[in-house]
Amino acid sequence: MIHKAKDLSPDQRAVVENLLGRSVSEDEAISIRTIAPSFAPEWLQKSWKSAKYLGLDRLSADEIDAEIDAARKLRSADGQPPDAIIREQ
């Protein structure tokens, strides 16, 4: 389902912008798709649950980017490549 931002009601626009964490321009199109959690791998479902419990699901895109940058700088300072992937053992 695709909606044009200019056709949204003020309430709909507010919800979309809240979900995105940013404002939308009049010429943008919004695509909405849902997926059932059961289709997500178990590790991803656990990650979502953990993020929600810790309040991380409320971080803005800028806050997430800042956390990623900080983690990369820390890994770089430890002698690891900036793009090293840490996997759960």
PDB file of N, CA and C in Angstrom:
ATOM      1  N   MET A   1       0.849  -1.159   0.000  1.00  0.00           N
ATOM      2  CA  MET A   1       0.000   0.000   0.000  1.00  0.00           C
ATOM      3  C   MET A   1       0.906   1.236   0.000  1.00  0.00           C
ATOM      4  N   ILE A   2       0.684   2.151  -0.910  1.00  0.00           N
ATOM      5  CA  ILE A   2       1.488   3.369  -0.997  1.00  0.00           C
ATOM      6  C   ILE A   2       0.577   4.586  -0.885  1.00  0.00           C
ATOM      7  N   HIS A   3       1.004   5.535  -0.052  1.00  0.00           N
ATOM      8  CA  HIS A   3       0.259   6.776   0.157  1.00  0.00           C
ATOM      9  C   HIS A   3       1.166   7.953  -0.183  1.00  0.00           C
ATOM     10  N   LYS A   4       0.596   8.985  -0.747  1.00  0.00           N
ATOM     11  CA  LYS A   4       1.340  10.220  -0.982  1.00  0.00           C
ATOM     12  C   LYS A   4       1.237  11.075   0.280  1.00  0.00           C
ATOM     13  N   ALA A   5       2.352  11.627   0.715  1.00  0.00           N
ATOM     14  CA  ALA A   5       2.376  12.418   1.946  1.00  0.00           C
ATOM     15  C   ALA A   5       1.387  13.575   1.869  1.00  0.00           C
ATOM     16  N   LYS A   6       1.248  14.174   0.709  1.00  0.00           N
ATOM     17  CA  LYS A   6       0.347  15.319   0.570  1.00  0.00           C
ATOM     18  C   LYS A   6      -1.118  14.942   0.780  1.00  0.00           C
ATOM     19  N   ASP A   7      -1.457  13.649   0.644  1.00  0.00           N
ATOM     20  CA  ASP A   7      -2.839  13.198   0.798  1.00  0.00           C
ATOM     21  C   ASP A   7      -3.181  12.736   2.213  1.00  0.00           C
ATOM     22  N   LEU A   8      -2.196  12.710   3.106  1.00  0.00           N
ATOM     23  CA  LEU A   8      -2.441  12.256   4.471  1.00  0.00           C
ATOM     24  C   LEU A   8      -3.159  13.321   5.287  1.00  0.00           C
ATOM     25  N   SER A   9      -4.001  12.882   6.204  1.00  0.00           N
ATOM     26  CA  SER A   9      -4.620  13.816   7.146  1.00  0.00           C
ATOM     27  C   SER A   9      -3.533  14.260   8.125  1.00  0.00           C
ATOM     28  N   PRO A  10      -3.733  15.361   8.834  1.00  0.00           N
ATOM     29  CA  PRO A  10      -2.729  15.799   9.812  1.00  0.00           C
ATOM     30  C   PRO A  10      -2.411  14.721  10.855  1.00  0.00           C
ATOM     31  N   ASP A  11      -3.432  13.984  11.301  1.00  0.00           N
ATOM     32  CA  ASP A  11      -3.197  12.919  12.286  1.00  0.00           C
ATOM     33  C   ASP A  11      -2.367  11.785  11.682  1.00  0.00           C
ATOM     34  N   GLN A  12      -2.698  11.388  10.451  1.00  0.00           N
ATOM     35  CA  GLN A  12      -1.942  10.325   9.786  1.00  0.00           C
ATOM     36  C   GLN A  12      -0.484  10.753   9.581  1.00  0.00           C
ATOM     37  N   ARG A  13      -0.307  11.976   9.149  1.00  0.00           N
ATOM     38  CA  ARG A  13       1.045  12.501   8.916  1.00  0.00           C
ATOM     39  C   ARG A  13       1.849  12.500  10.213  1.00  0.00           C
ATOM     40  N   ALA A  14       1.208  12.900  11.310  1.00  0.00           N
ATOM     41  CA  ALA A  14       1.885  12.922  12.619  1.00  0.00           C
ATOM     42  C   ALA A  14       2.324  11.522  13.023  1.00  0.00           C
ATOM     43  N   VAL A  15       1.472  10.535  12.783  1.00  0.00           N
ATOM     44  CA  VAL A  15       1.820   9.151  13.128  1.00  0.00           C
ATOM     45  C   VAL A  15       3.000   8.678  12.290  1.00  0.00           C
ATOM     46  N   VAL A  16       2.958   8.926  10.987  1.00  0.00           N
ATOM     47  CA  VAL A  16       4.047   8.506  10.090  1.00  0.00           C
ATOM     48  C   VAL A  16       5.356   9.174  10.508  1.00  0.00           C
ATOM     49  N   GLU A  17       5.316  10.466  10.767  1.00  0.00           N
ATOM     50  CA  GLU A  17       6.527  11.179  11.157  1.00  0.00           C
ATOM     51  C   GLU A  17       7.057  10.683  12.498  1.00  0.00           C
ATOM     52  N   ASN A  18       6.166  10.350  13.403  1.00  0.00           N
ATOM     53  CA  ASN A  18       6.583   9.806  14.693  1.00  0.00           C
ATOM     54  C   ASN A  18       7.267   8.453  14.503  1.00  0.00           C
ATOM     55  N   LEU A  19       6.696   7.605  13.664  1.00  0.00           N
ATOM     56  CA  LEU A  19       7.294   6.297  13.403  1.00  0.00           C
ATOM     57  C   LEU A  19       8.656   6.420  12.716  1.00  0.00           C
ATOM     58  N   LEU A  20       8.767   7.359  11.782  1.00  0.00           N
ATOM     59  CA  LEU A  20      10.021   7.547  11.055  1.00  0.00           C
ATOM     60  C   LEU A  20      11.068   8.291  11.871  1.00  0.00           C
ATOM     61  N   GLY A  21      10.605   9.099  12.815  1.00  0.00           N
ATOM     62  CA  GLY A  21      11.535   9.915  13.589  1.00  0.00           C
ATOM     63  C   GLY A  21      12.021  11.137  12.838  1.00  0.00           C
ATOM     64  N   ARG A  22      11.252  11.538  11.833  1.00  0.00           N
ATOM     65  CA  ARG A  22      11.591  12.728  11.042  1.00  0.00           C
ATOM     66  C   ARG A  22      10.342  13.223  10.337  1.00  0.00           C
ATOM     67  N   SER A  23      10.400  14.434   9.819  1.00  0.00           N
ATOM     68  CA  SER A  23       9.265  14.951   9.069  1.00  0.00           C
ATOM     69  C   SER A  23       9.319  14.419   7.639  1.00  0.00           C
ATOM     70  N   VAL A  24       8.175  14.409   6.987  1.00  0.00           N
ATOM     71  CA  VAL A  24       8.107  13.983   5.592  1.00  0.00           C
ATOM     72  C   VAL A  24       7.740  15.191   4.736  1.00  0.00           C
ATOM     73  N   SER A  25       8.278  15.210   3.529  1.00  0.00           N
ATOM     74  CA  SER A  25       7.962  16.315   2.623  1.00  0.00           C
ATOM     75  C   SER A  25       6.731  15.962   1.801  1.00  0.00           C
ATOM     76  N   GLU A  26       6.114  16.973   1.243  1.00  0.00           N
ATOM     77  CA  GLU A  26       4.868  16.803   0.475  1.00  0.00           C
ATOM     78  C   GLU A  26       5.030  15.864  -0.716  1.00  0.00           C
ATOM     79  N   ASP A  27       6.232  15.814  -1.306  1.00  0.00           N
ATOM     80  CA  ASP A  27       6.418  15.001  -2.510  1.00  0.00           C
ATOM     81  C   ASP A  27       6.861  13.559  -2.218  1.00  0.00           C
ATOM     82  N   GLU A  28       6.943  13.190  -0.952  1.00  0.00           N
ATOM     83  CA  GLU A  28       7.326  11.820  -0.610  1.00  0.00           C
ATOM     84  C   GLU A  28       6.139  10.877  -0.683  1.00  0.00           C
ATOM     85  N   ALA A  29       6.444   9.611  -0.934  1.00  0.00           N
ATOM     86  CA  ALA A  29       5.439   8.562  -0.898  1.00  0.00           C
ATOM     87  C   ALA A  29       5.762   7.664   0.288  1.00  0.00           C
ATOM     88  N   ILE A  30       4.732   7.180   0.946  1.00  0.00           N
ATOM     89  CA  ILE A  30       4.891   6.331   2.121  1.00  0.00           C
ATOM     90  C   ILE A  30       4.366   4.945   1.772  1.00  0.00           C
ATOM     91  N   SER A  31       5.213   3.946   1.927  1.00  0.00           N
ATOM     92  CA  SER A  31       4.835   2.564   1.684  1.00  0.00           C
ATOM     93  C   SER A  31       4.665   1.883   3.032  1.00  0.00           C
ATOM     94  N   ILE A  32       3.564   1.170   3.196  1.00  0.00           N
ATOM     95  CA  ILE A  32       3.280   0.496   4.455  1.00  0.00           C
ATOM     96  C   ILE A  32       3.212  -1.000   4.202  1.00  0.00           C
ATOM     97  N   ARG A  33       3.961  -1.745   5.024  1.00  0.00           N
ATOM     98  CA  ARG A  33       3.966  -3.195   4.911  1.00  0.00           C
ATOM     99  C   ARG A  33       4.103  -3.771   6.312  1.00  0.00           C
ATOM    100  N   THR A  34       3.379  -4.810   6.584  1.00  0.00           N
ATOM    101  CA  THR A  34       3.509  -5.479   7.871  1.00  0.00           C
ATOM    102  C   THR A  34       4.007  -6.901   7.643  1.00  0.00           C
ATOM    103  N   ILE A  35       4.707  -7.401   8.651  1.00  0.00           N
ATOM    104  CA  ILE A  35       5.130  -8.794   8.606  1.00  0.00           C
ATOM    105  C   ILE A  35       4.780  -9.422   9.950  1.00  0.00           C
ATOM    106  N   ALA A  36       4.411 -10.654   9.910  1.00  0.00           N
ATOM    107  CA  ALA A  36       4.079 -11.359  11.142  1.00  0.00           C
ATOM    108  C   ALA A  36       5.373 -11.701  11.880  1.00  0.00           C
ATOM    109  N   PRO A  37       5.425 -11.471  13.184  1.00  0.00           N
ATOM    110  CA  PRO A  37       6.644 -11.771  13.935  1.00  0.00           C
ATOM    111  C   PRO A  37       7.094 -13.223  13.799  1.00  0.00           C
ATOM    112  N   SER A  38       6.166 -14.130  13.564  1.00  0.00           N
ATOM    113  CA  SER A  38       6.547 -15.537  13.459  1.00  0.00           C
ATOM    114  C   SER A  38       7.445 -15.799  12.251  1.00  0.00           C
ATOM    115  N   PHE A  39       7.449 -14.890  11.266  1.00  0.00           N
ATOM    116  CA  PHE A  39       8.312 -15.052  10.109  1.00  0.00           C
ATOM    117  C   PHE A  39       9.724 -14.565  10.389  1.00  0.00           C
ATOM    118  N   ALA A  40       9.878 -13.798  11.457  1.00  0.00           N
ATOM    119  CA  ALA A  40      11.205 -13.312  11.824  1.00  0.00           C
ATOM    120  C   ALA A  40      11.953 -14.427  12.552  1.00  0.00           C
ATOM    121  N   PRO A  41      13.269 -14.523  12.324  1.00  0.00           N
ATOM    122  CA  PRO A  41      14.035 -15.553  13.025  1.00  0.00           C
ATOM    123  C   PRO A  41      13.966 -15.336  14.546  1.00  0.00           C
ATOM    124  N   GLU A  42      14.149 -16.418  15.272  1.00  0.00           N
ATOM    125  CA  GLU A  42      14.048 -16.347  16.734  1.00  0.00           C
ATOM    126  C   GLU A  42      15.035 -15.341  17.319  1.00  0.00           C
ATOM    127  N   TRP A  43      16.258 -15.263  16.769  1.00  0.00           N
ATOM    128  CA  TRP A  43      17.250 -14.338  17.300  1.00  0.00           C
ATOM    129  C   TRP A  43      16.789 -12.892  17.137  1.00  0.00           C
ATOM    130  N   LEU A  44      16.076 -12.612  16.027  1.00  0.00           N
ATOM    131  CA  LEU A  44      15.583 -11.262  15.794  1.00  0.00           C
ATOM    132  C   LEU A  44      14.428 -10.935  16.735  1.00  0.00           C
ATOM    133  N   GLN A  45      13.548 -11.893  16.973  1.00  0.00           N
ATOM    134  CA  GLN A  45      12.457 -11.679  17.922  1.00  0.00           C
ATOM    135  C   GLN A  45      13.013 -11.403  19.316  1.00  0.00           C
ATOM    136  N   LYS A  46      14.056 -12.145  19.714  1.00  0.00           N
ATOM    137  CA  LYS A  46      14.691 -11.905  21.020  1.00  0.00           C
ATOM    138  C   LYS A  46      15.314 -10.511  21.066  1.00  0.00           C
ATOM    139  N   SER A  47      15.917 -10.104  19.972  1.00  0.00           N
ATOM    140  CA  SER A  47      16.530  -8.778  19.898  1.00  0.00           C
ATOM    141  C   SER A  47      15.483  -7.684  20.050  1.00  0.00           C
ATOM    142  N   TRP A  48      14.336  -7.837  19.369  1.00  0.00           N
ATOM    143  CA  TRP A  48      13.254  -6.858  19.488  1.00  0.00           C
ATOM    144  C   TRP A  48      12.755  -6.769  20.922  1.00  0.00           C
ATOM    145  N   LYS A  49      12.562  -7.937  21.540  1.00  0.00           N
ATOM    146  CA  LYS A  49      12.068  -7.976  22.916  1.00  0.00           C
ATOM    147  C   LYS A  49      13.062  -7.305  23.863  1.00  0.00           C
ATOM    148  N   SER A  50      14.343  -7.591  23.683  1.00  0.00           N
ATOM    149  CA  SER A  50      15.380  -6.997  24.519  1.00  0.00           C
ATOM    150  C   SER A  50      15.441  -5.481  24.332  1.00  0.00           C
ATOM    151  N   ALA A  51      15.371  -5.038  23.089  1.00  0.00           N
ATOM    152  CA  ALA A  51      15.416  -3.602  22.802  1.00  0.00           C
ATOM    153  C   ALA A  51      14.237  -2.876  23.446  1.00  0.00           C
ATOM    154  N   LYS A  52      13.063  -3.482  23.355  1.00  0.00           N
ATOM    155  CA  LYS A  52      11.879  -2.873  23.954  1.00  0.00           C
ATOM    156  C   LYS A  52      12.022  -2.810  25.475  1.00  0.00           C
ATOM    157  N   TYR A  53      12.509  -3.897  26.081  1.00  0.00           N
ATOM    158  CA  TYR A  53      12.692  -3.949  27.542  1.00  0.00           C
ATOM    159  C   TYR A  53      13.669  -2.868  28.012  1.00  0.00           C
ATOM    160  N   LEU A  54      14.741  -2.659  27.235  1.00  0.00           N
ATOM    161  CA  LEU A  54      15.759  -1.674  27.598  1.00  0.00           C
ATOM    162  C   LEU A  54      15.395  -0.250  27.175  1.00  0.00           C
ATOM    163  N   GLY A  55      14.279  -0.094  26.458  1.00  0.00           N
ATOM    164  CA  GLY A  55      13.869   1.232  25.999  1.00  0.00           C
ATOM    165  C   GLY A  55      14.589   1.679  24.749  1.00  0.00           C
ATOM    166  N   LEU A  56      15.330   0.771  24.123  1.00  0.00           N
ATOM    167  CA  LEU A  56      16.090   1.139  22.932  1.00  0.00           C
ATOM    168  C   LEU A  56      15.209   1.307  21.708  1.00  0.00           C
ATOM    169  N   ASP A  57      13.994   0.820  21.772  1.00  0.00           N
ATOM    170  CA  ASP A  57      13.069   0.961  20.648  1.00  0.00           C
ATOM    171  C   ASP A  57      12.584   2.397  20.500  1.00  0.00           C
ATOM    172  N   ARG A  58      12.932   3.254  21.456  1.00  0.00           N
ATOM    173  CA  ARG A  58      12.513   4.659  21.400  1.00  0.00           C
ATOM    174  C   ARG A  58      13.634   5.591  20.953  1.00  0.00           C
ATOM    175  N   LEU A  59      14.777   5.028  20.539  1.00  0.00           N
ATOM    176  CA  LEU A  59      15.884   5.857  20.074  1.00  0.00           C
ATOM    177  C   LEU A  59      15.562   6.446  18.705  1.00  0.00           C
ATOM    178  N   SER A  60      15.983   7.675  18.501  1.00  0.00           N
ATOM    179  CA  SER A  60      15.803   8.298  17.185  1.00  0.00           C
ATOM    180  C   SER A  60      16.887   7.787  16.243  1.00  0.00           C
ATOM    181  N   ALA A  61      16.720   8.040  14.967  1.00  0.00           N
ATOM    182  CA  ALA A  61      17.719   7.629  13.982  1.00  0.00           C
ATOM    183  C   ALA A  61      19.060   8.294  14.274  1.00  0.00           C
ATOM    184  N   ASP A  62      19.052   9.555  14.699  1.00  0.00           N
ATOM    185  CA  ASP A  62      20.298  10.251  15.030  1.00  0.00           C
ATOM    186  C   ASP A  62      20.980   9.611  16.236  1.00  0.00           C
ATOM    187  N   GLU A  63      20.197   9.206  17.231  1.00  0.00           N
ATOM    188  CA  GLU A  63      20.773   8.553  18.414  1.00  0.00           C
ATOM    189  C   GLU A  63      21.372   7.194  18.049  1.00  0.00           C
ATOM    190  N   ILE A  64      20.697   6.466  17.168  1.00  0.00           N
ATOM    191  CA  ILE A  64      21.223   5.174  16.719  1.00  0.00           C
ATOM    192  C   ILE A  64      22.530   5.372  15.960  1.00  0.00           C
ATOM    193  N   ASP A  65      22.567   6.365  15.057  1.00  0.00           N
ATOM    194  CA  ASP A  65      23.791   6.653  14.312  1.00  0.00           C
ATOM    195  C   ASP A  65      24.936   7.023  15.248  1.00  0.00           C
ATOM    196  N   ALA A  66      24.643   7.809  16.295  1.00  0.00           N
ATOM    197  CA  ALA A  66      25.668   8.203  17.264  1.00  0.00           C
ATOM    198  C   ALA A  66      26.206   6.984  18.013  1.00  0.00           C
ATOM    199  N   GLU A  67      25.338   6.054  18.372  1.00  0.00           N
ATOM    200  CA  GLU A  67      25.770   4.833  19.065  1.00  0.00           C
ATOM    201  C   GLU A  67      26.654   3.979  18.151  1.00  0.00           C
ATOM    202  N   ILE A  68      26.282   3.870  16.893  1.00  0.00           N
ATOM    203  CA  ILE A  68      27.086   3.101  15.936  1.00  0.00           C
ATOM    204  C   ILE A  68      28.458   3.745  15.772  1.00  0.00           C
ATOM    205  N   ASP A  69      28.493   5.066  15.623  1.00  0.00           N
ATOM    206  CA  ASP A  69      29.775   5.776  15.499  1.00  0.00           C
ATOM    207  C   ASP A  69      30.648   5.563  16.726  1.00  0.00           C
ATOM    208  N   ALA A  70      30.045   5.633  17.917  1.00  0.00           N
ATOM    209  CA  ALA A  70      30.801   5.443  19.158  1.00  0.00           C
ATOM    210  C   ALA A  70      31.372   4.033  19.229  1.00  0.00           C
ATOM    211  N   ALA A  71      30.572   3.024  18.846  1.00  0.00           N
ATOM    212  CA  ALA A  71      31.049   1.641  18.871  1.00  0.00           C
ATOM    213  C   ALA A  71      32.193   1.441  17.878  1.00  0.00           C
ATOM    214  N   ARG A  72      32.081   2.048  16.711  1.00  0.00           N
ATOM    215  CA  ARG A  72      33.150   1.923  15.707  1.00  0.00           C
ATOM    216  C   ARG A  72      34.436   2.572  16.207  1.00  0.00           C
ATOM    217  N   LYS A  73      34.327   3.741  16.834  1.00  0.00           N
ATOM    218  CA  LYS A  73      35.512   4.421  17.373  1.00  0.00           C
ATOM    219  C   LYS A  73      36.154   3.592  18.467  1.00  0.00           C
ATOM    220  N   LEU A  74      35.342   2.985  19.329  1.00  0.00           N
ATOM    221  CA  LEU A  74      35.862   2.152  20.406  1.00  0.00           C
ATOM    222  C   LEU A  74      36.599   0.941  19.838  1.00  0.00           C
ATOM    223  N   ARG A  75      36.002   0.269  18.853  1.00  0.00           N
ATOM    224  CA  ARG A  75      36.651  -0.883  18.233  1.00  0.00           C
ATOM    225  C   ARG A  75      37.938  -0.478  17.546  1.00  0.00           C
ATOM    226  N   SER A  76      37.939   0.676  16.885  1.00  0.00           N
ATOM    227  CA  SER A  76      39.128   1.168  16.199  1.00  0.00           C
ATOM    228  C   SER A  76      40.235   1.441  17.215  1.00  0.00           C
ATOM    229  N   ALA A  77      39.885   2.004  18.366  1.00  0.00           N
ATOM    230  CA  ALA A  77      40.860   2.289  19.413  1.00  0.00           C
ATOM    231  C   ALA A  77      41.431   0.999  20.002  1.00  0.00           C
ATOM    232  N   ASP A  78      40.659  -0.083  19.961  1.00  0.00           N
ATOM    233  CA  ASP A  78      41.104  -1.377  20.476  1.00  0.00           C
ATOM    234  C   ASP A  78      41.913  -2.160  19.445  1.00  0.00           C
ATOM    235  N   GLY A  79      42.128  -1.579  18.276  1.00  0.00           N
ATOM    236  CA  GLY A  79      42.891  -2.247  17.240  1.00  0.00           C
ATOM    237  C   GLY A  79      42.081  -3.125  16.321  1.00  0.00           C
ATOM    238  N   GLN A  80      40.749  -3.139  16.496  1.00  0.00           N
ATOM    239  CA  GLN A  80      39.896  -3.911  15.612  1.00  0.00           C
ATOM    240  C   GLN A  80      39.498  -3.053  14.422  1.00  0.00           C
ATOM    241  N   PRO A  81      39.278  -3.663  13.275  1.00  0.00           N
ATOM    242  CA  PRO A  81      38.799  -2.868  12.138  1.00  0.00           C
ATOM    243  C   PRO A  81      37.458  -2.224  12.471  1.00  0.00           C
ATOM    244  N   PRO A  82      37.191  -1.009  11.989  1.00  0.00           N
ATOM    245  CA  PRO A  82      35.935  -0.311  12.310  1.00  0.00           C
ATOM    246  C   PRO A  82      34.688  -1.078  11.930  1.00  0.00           C
ATOM    247  N   ASP A  83      34.772  -1.940  10.928  1.00  0.00           N
ATOM    248  CA  ASP A  83      33.580  -2.651  10.493  1.00  0.00           C
ATOM    249  C   ASP A  83      33.535  -4.085  11.018  1.00  0.00           C
ATOM    250  N   ALA A  84      34.327  -4.400  12.060  1.00  0.00           N
ATOM    251  CA  ALA A  84      34.315  -5.743  12.627  1.00  0.00           C
ATOM    252  C   ALA A  84      32.936  -6.058  13.176  1.00  0.00           C
ATOM    253  N   ILE A  85      32.511  -7.287  12.961  1.00  0.00           N
ATOM    254  CA  ILE A  85      31.193  -7.708  13.432  1.00  0.00           C
ATOM    255  C   ILE A  85      31.376  -8.566  14.671  1.00  0.00           C
ATOM    256  N   ILE A  86      30.680  -8.203  15.731  1.00  0.00           N
ATOM    257  CA  ILE A  86      30.732  -8.974  16.947  1.00  0.00           C
ATOM    258  C   ILE A  86      29.559  -9.922  16.932  1.00  0.00           C
ATOM    259  N   ARG A  87      29.819 -11.207  17.021  1.00  0.00           N
ATOM    260  CA  ARG A  87      28.764 -12.221  16.984  1.00  0.00           C
ATOM    261  C   ARG A  87      28.647 -12.876  18.346  1.00  0.00           C
ATOM    262  N   GLU A  88      27.408 -13.222  18.682  1.00  0.00           N
ATOM    263  CA  GLU A  88      27.133 -13.929  19.932  1.00  0.00           C
ATOM    264  C   GLU A  88      27.690 -15.345  19.807  1.00  0.00           C
ATOM    265  N   GLN A  89      28.434 -15.775  20.792  1.00  0.00           N
ATOM    266  CA  GLN A  89      29.020 -17.125  20.786  1.00  0.00           C
ATOM    267  C   GLN A  89      28.060 -18.124  21.356  1.00  0.00           C
TER     268      GLN A  89
END
